[in-house]
N, C-alpha and C. Protein backbone atom coordinates (compact mmCIF):
# COMPACT_ATOMS: atom_id res chain seq x y z
N MET A 1 0.73 -1.14 0.46
CA MET A 1 0.23 -0.13 -0.05
C MET A 1 0.84 1.20 -0.33
N LEU A 2 0.55 2.14 -0.87
CA LEU A 2 1.12 3.66 -0.75
C LEU A 2 0.93 4.72 0.11
N PHE A 3 1.74 5.11 0.65
CA PHE A 3 1.28 6.54 1.63
C PHE A 3 2.09 7.89 1.25
N LEU A 4 1.64 8.55 1.65
CA LEU A 4 2.01 9.88 1.59
C LEU A 4 2.43 10.40 3.03
N ILE A 5 3.44 11.12 2.83
CA ILE A 5 3.65 11.45 4.36
C ILE A 5 4.39 12.72 4.13
N SER A 6 3.78 13.53 5.16
CA SER A 6 4.38 14.98 4.98
C SER A 6 4.55 15.65 6.40
N TYR A 7 5.77 15.99 6.55
CA TYR A 7 6.38 16.19 7.45
C TYR A 7 7.31 17.61 8.00
N LYS A 8 7.22 18.51 8.97
CA LYS A 8 8.43 19.61 9.24
C LYS A 8 9.03 19.24 10.53
N PRO A 9 10.03 20.23 10.74
CA PRO A 9 10.71 20.04 11.72
C PRO A 9 9.92 20.45 13.13
N LYS A 10 10.57 20.15 13.96
CA LYS A 10 9.23 20.57 15.76
C LYS A 10 9.80 21.82 15.64
N PRO A 11 8.98 22.56 16.21
CA PRO A 11 9.14 23.64 16.44
C PRO A 11 10.42 23.95 17.69
N GLY A 12 11.22 25.01 17.51
CA GLY A 12 12.35 24.80 18.71
C GLY A 12 13.56 24.50 17.84
N ARG A 13 13.60 23.71 16.86
CA ARG A 13 14.85 22.83 17.06
C ARG A 13 16.28 23.57 16.23
N VAL A 14 17.01 23.16 17.12
CA VAL A 14 18.50 24.33 16.69
C VAL A 14 19.45 23.62 15.74
N GLU A 15 20.15 23.70 15.68
CA GLU A 15 21.51 23.71 14.50
C GLU A 15 21.62 22.69 14.87
N ALA A 16 22.26 22.12 16.01
CA ALA A 16 23.00 20.92 16.45
C ALA A 16 22.07 20.10 15.97
N GLU A 17 20.61 20.18 16.84
CA GLU A 17 19.86 18.69 16.09
C GLU A 17 19.73 18.64 14.54
N ASP A 18 19.83 20.00 13.72
CA ASP A 18 19.88 19.66 12.48
C ASP A 18 20.69 18.66 11.94
N GLN A 19 22.01 19.00 12.76
CA GLN A 19 23.21 18.28 12.28
C GLN A 19 22.72 17.24 12.56
N ARG A 20 22.10 16.63 13.44
CA ARG A 20 21.99 14.97 13.75
C ARG A 20 21.09 15.06 13.02
N VAL A 21 19.88 15.58 12.67
CA VAL A 21 19.23 14.43 11.92
C VAL A 21 19.79 14.30 10.07
N LEU A 22 20.75 14.98 9.91
CA LEU A 22 21.05 14.96 8.43
C LEU A 22 22.33 13.68 8.75
N ASN A 23 22.75 13.39 9.61
CA ASN A 23 23.84 12.35 10.20
C ASN A 23 23.11 11.02 10.50
N LEU A 24 21.92 11.38 11.04
CA LEU A 24 21.17 9.85 10.97
C LEU A 24 20.50 9.48 9.50
N PHE A 25 20.23 10.51 8.60
CA PHE A 25 19.40 9.95 7.69
C PHE A 25 20.13 9.46 7.16
N VAL A 26 21.37 9.93 6.63
CA VAL A 26 22.58 9.71 5.88
C VAL A 26 23.19 8.24 5.96
N LYS A 27 22.97 7.57 7.37
CA LYS A 27 23.10 6.18 7.76
C LYS A 27 21.86 5.25 7.38
N TRP A 28 20.74 5.97 7.80
CA TRP A 28 19.34 5.11 8.00
C TRP A 28 18.98 4.48 6.29
N LYS A 29 18.75 3.38 6.68
CA LYS A 29 18.24 2.41 5.99
C LYS A 29 16.73 1.93 6.27
N PRO A 30 15.79 2.18 5.39
CA PRO A 30 14.21 1.77 5.85
C PRO A 30 14.04 0.36 6.55
N PRO A 31 12.94 0.29 7.42
CA PRO A 31 12.58 -1.29 7.99
C PRO A 31 12.34 -2.05 6.56
N ALA A 32 12.69 -3.65 7.21
CA ALA A 32 12.04 -4.30 6.05
C ALA A 32 10.17 -3.85 5.89
N GLY A 33 9.80 -3.72 5.09
CA GLY A 33 8.31 -3.87 4.50
C GLY A 33 8.31 -2.35 4.08
N ILE A 34 9.02 -1.42 3.92
CA ILE A 34 9.20 -0.32 3.49
C ILE A 34 9.90 0.13 2.50
N THR A 35 9.43 0.56 1.25
CA THR A 35 10.65 1.30 0.11
C THR A 35 10.33 2.70 -0.12
N ILE A 36 10.91 3.40 -0.50
CA ILE A 36 10.73 4.63 -0.22
C ILE A 36 10.54 4.86 -1.85
N LYS A 37 9.65 5.34 -2.26
CA LYS A 37 9.49 5.59 -3.76
C LYS A 37 10.04 6.91 -4.56
N SER A 38 9.78 8.29 -3.42
CA SER A 38 10.31 9.18 -3.64
C SER A 38 10.49 10.25 -2.49
N HIS A 39 11.30 11.06 -2.28
CA HIS A 39 11.39 12.05 -1.18
C HIS A 39 11.59 13.48 -1.49
N TYR A 40 10.69 13.85 -1.14
CA TYR A 40 10.76 15.54 -1.74
C TYR A 40 10.92 16.85 -0.52
N ILE A 41 12.11 17.30 -0.20
CA ILE A 41 12.17 18.57 0.74
C ILE A 41 11.70 19.91 0.12
N ARG A 42 10.79 20.09 1.22
CA ARG A 42 10.56 21.57 1.08
C ARG A 42 11.33 22.82 1.30
N SER A 43 11.04 23.65 0.79
CA SER A 43 12.14 25.36 1.06
C SER A 43 11.52 25.71 2.65
N ASP A 44 10.84 25.21 3.13
CA ASP A 44 10.65 25.54 4.74
C ASP A 44 11.31 24.76 5.71
N GLY A 45 12.00 23.62 5.11
CA GLY A 45 12.85 22.28 5.74
C GLY A 45 11.69 21.25 6.24
N GLY A 46 10.52 21.54 5.93
CA GLY A 46 9.97 20.26 6.08
C GLY A 46 10.12 19.13 4.25
N GLY A 47 9.15 18.35 4.40
CA GLY A 47 9.36 17.20 3.42
C GLY A 47 8.16 16.45 2.86
N LEU A 48 8.05 16.03 1.74
CA LEU A 48 6.99 14.94 1.50
C LEU A 48 7.28 13.87 1.20
N VAL A 49 6.92 12.37 1.36
CA VAL A 49 7.65 11.13 1.02
C VAL A 49 6.46 10.28 0.67
N ILE A 50 6.90 9.10 -0.57
CA ILE A 50 5.54 8.56 -0.47
C ILE A 50 6.60 7.18 -0.55
N VAL A 51 5.72 5.97 0.26
CA VAL A 51 6.39 4.97 0.57
C VAL A 51 5.16 4.13 0.33
N GLU A 52 5.77 3.05 0.14
CA GLU A 52 5.10 1.41 0.11
C GLU A 52 5.34 0.88 1.47
N ALA A 53 4.57 0.51 1.98
CA ALA A 53 4.30 -0.33 2.95
C ALA A 53 3.74 -1.54 2.78
N ASP A 54 4.61 -2.65 3.54
CA ASP A 54 3.59 -3.94 3.85
C ASP A 54 2.78 -4.10 4.65
N SER A 55 2.87 -3.15 5.93
CA SER A 55 2.05 -3.43 7.15
C SER A 55 2.16 -1.85 8.11
N ALA A 56 0.92 -1.73 8.88
CA ALA A 56 1.04 -0.77 9.88
C ALA A 56 2.01 -1.00 10.70
N VAL A 57 2.93 -2.32 10.79
CA VAL A 57 3.95 -2.21 11.82
C VAL A 57 5.00 -1.58 11.19
N ALA A 58 5.53 -1.89 9.79
CA ALA A 58 6.19 -1.37 9.28
C ALA A 58 6.52 0.25 9.47
N MET A 59 5.01 0.98 8.78
CA MET A 59 4.85 2.35 8.89
C MET A 59 5.50 2.88 10.02
N ILE A 60 4.82 2.30 11.48
CA ILE A 60 5.00 2.64 12.37
C ILE A 60 6.86 2.33 12.84
N GLU A 61 7.53 1.74 12.71
CA GLU A 61 8.80 1.53 12.90
C GLU A 61 9.22 2.73 12.06
N GLY A 62 9.40 2.91 10.36
CA GLY A 62 10.11 4.03 9.87
C GLY A 62 9.82 5.00 10.41
N ASN A 63 8.66 5.27 10.94
CA ASN A 63 8.16 6.92 11.22
C ASN A 63 8.61 6.99 12.38
N ALA A 64 8.48 6.31 13.56
CA ALA A 64 9.42 5.65 15.22
C ALA A 64 10.45 6.76 14.92
N THR A 65 11.65 6.32 14.07
CA THR A 65 12.71 6.79 14.02
C THR A 65 13.05 8.41 14.07
N TRP A 66 11.74 8.58 13.42
CA TRP A 66 12.00 10.27 13.12
C TRP A 66 11.26 11.28 14.23
N VAL A 67 10.35 10.49 15.26
CA VAL A 67 9.57 11.17 16.04
C VAL A 67 10.16 12.79 17.06
N PRO A 68 11.72 12.03 17.12
CA PRO A 68 12.14 13.31 18.49
C PRO A 68 12.49 14.08 17.34
N PHE A 69 12.16 14.44 16.32
CA PHE A 69 12.78 15.50 15.29
C PHE A 69 11.84 16.07 14.52
N LEU A 70 10.54 15.38 13.95
CA LEU A 70 9.73 15.72 12.86
C LEU A 70 8.25 15.54 13.61
N ASP A 71 7.94 16.67 13.27
CA ASP A 71 6.12 16.44 13.38
C ASP A 71 5.55 16.11 12.19
N TYR A 72 4.74 15.13 12.21
CA TYR A 72 3.94 14.88 10.85
C TYR A 72 2.68 15.46 10.69
N ASP A 73 2.58 15.83 9.65
CA ASP A 73 1.17 16.62 9.01
C ASP A 73 0.44 15.49 8.16
N ALA A 74 0.72 14.51 7.84
CA ALA A 74 -0.07 13.25 7.51
C ALA A 74 0.62 12.18 7.00
N VAL A 75 0.15 11.13 7.28
CA VAL A 75 0.65 9.96 6.94
C VAL A 75 -0.76 9.03 6.77
N VAL A 76 -0.86 9.17 4.78
CA VAL A 76 -2.20 8.83 4.44
C VAL A 76 -1.84 8.03 3.32
N PRO A 77 -3.10 7.00 3.40
CA PRO A 77 -2.89 5.74 2.25
C PRO A 77 -3.48 6.85 1.06
N ILE A 78 -2.74 6.28 -0.47
CA ILE A 78 -2.77 6.88 -1.39
C ILE A 78 -2.64 5.93 -2.53
N ALA A 79 -3.47 6.09 -3.89
CA ALA A 79 -3.57 5.22 -4.76
C ALA A 79 -3.71 6.04 -6.04
N ASP A 80 -3.55 5.35 -6.87
CA ASP A 80 -3.14 5.95 -8.71
C ASP A 80 -4.57 6.39 -8.72
N ILE A 81 -4.91 7.78 -9.34
CA ILE A 81 -5.98 8.15 -9.66
C ILE A 81 -6.99 7.42 -10.86
N THR A 82 -6.25 6.57 -11.88
CA THR A 82 -6.43 5.60 -12.84
C THR A 82 -6.89 4.47 -11.94
N GLU A 83 -6.36 3.87 -11.01
CA GLU A 83 -7.34 2.94 -10.66
C GLU A 83 -8.06 3.01 -9.38
N SER A 84 -7.98 4.28 -9.20
CA SER A 84 -9.27 4.27 -7.96
C SER A 84 -10.59 4.76 -9.21
N LEU A 85 -10.32 5.49 -9.92
CA LEU A 85 -11.57 5.60 -10.68
C LEU A 85 -12.87 4.75 -10.57
N PRO A 86 -12.66 3.34 -10.94
CA PRO A 86 -14.08 2.75 -10.40
C PRO A 86 -14.51 2.61 -9.11
N ALA A 87 -14.07 2.43 -8.11
CA ALA A 87 -14.12 3.27 -6.95
C ALA A 87 -14.64 4.32 -6.68
N LEU A 88 -14.43 5.22 -7.24
CA LEU A 88 -14.84 6.63 -6.82
C LEU A 88 -16.16 6.34 -7.78
N GLN A 89 -16.33 6.22 -8.99
CA GLN A 89 -17.57 5.80 -9.90
C GLN A 89 -18.81 5.18 -9.20
N ARG A 90 -18.09 4.10 -8.44
CA ARG A 90 -19.33 3.24 -7.58
C ARG A 90 -19.76 4.26 -6.40
N ALA A 91 -19.02 4.89 -5.98
CA ALA A 91 -19.74 5.63 -4.66
C ALA A 91 -20.06 6.88 -5.32
N ALA A 92 -20.16 7.23 -6.28
CA ALA A 92 -21.11 8.27 -6.75
C ALA A 92 -22.53 8.04 -7.21
N ALA A 93 -22.27 6.54 -8.21
CA ALA A 93 -23.61 5.97 -8.12
C ALA A 93 -24.66 5.58 -7.04
N TRP A 94 -23.69 5.33 -5.95
CA TRP A 94 -24.57 5.04 -4.65
C TRP A 94 -25.23 6.17 -4.48
N ARG A 95 -24.35 7.28 -4.09
CA ARG A 95 -25.26 8.40 -3.42
C ARG A 95 -26.42 8.61 -4.66
N ASP A 96 -26.24 8.65 -5.68
CA ASP A 96 -27.19 9.33 -6.36
C ASP A 96 -28.52 8.24 -6.56
N SER A 97 -28.03 7.03 -6.08
CA SER A 97 -29.46 6.00 -5.93
C SER A 97 -30.30 6.38 -4.78
N VAL A 98 -29.44 7.15 -3.56
CA VAL A 98 -30.13 7.01 -2.50
C VAL A 98 -30.85 8.26 -2.59
N ARG A 99 -32.41 8.28 -2.56
CA ARG A 99 -33.23 9.99 -2.56
C ARG A 99 -33.75 9.91 -1.30
């Protein structure tokens, strides 16, 4: 399952902590069951990551590594729009059927 993770640095984080995060990230490997598909850094110091996860436990482990340093804005499942269209159409049809 794909997830979008949006994060930002915790308020009050100081330069020494930024250096610590960089050093950790360089050496970090995602846990088993997590594949990073893409990772983007925002100009405000936050970031967006798209990951594929085999389980909720893998997501918990991967995110727990960074909890001391980051606030997560979102960790939400995502899907390709073309694969999702039939489900969206079924939902719309059901809404239309209820009067």
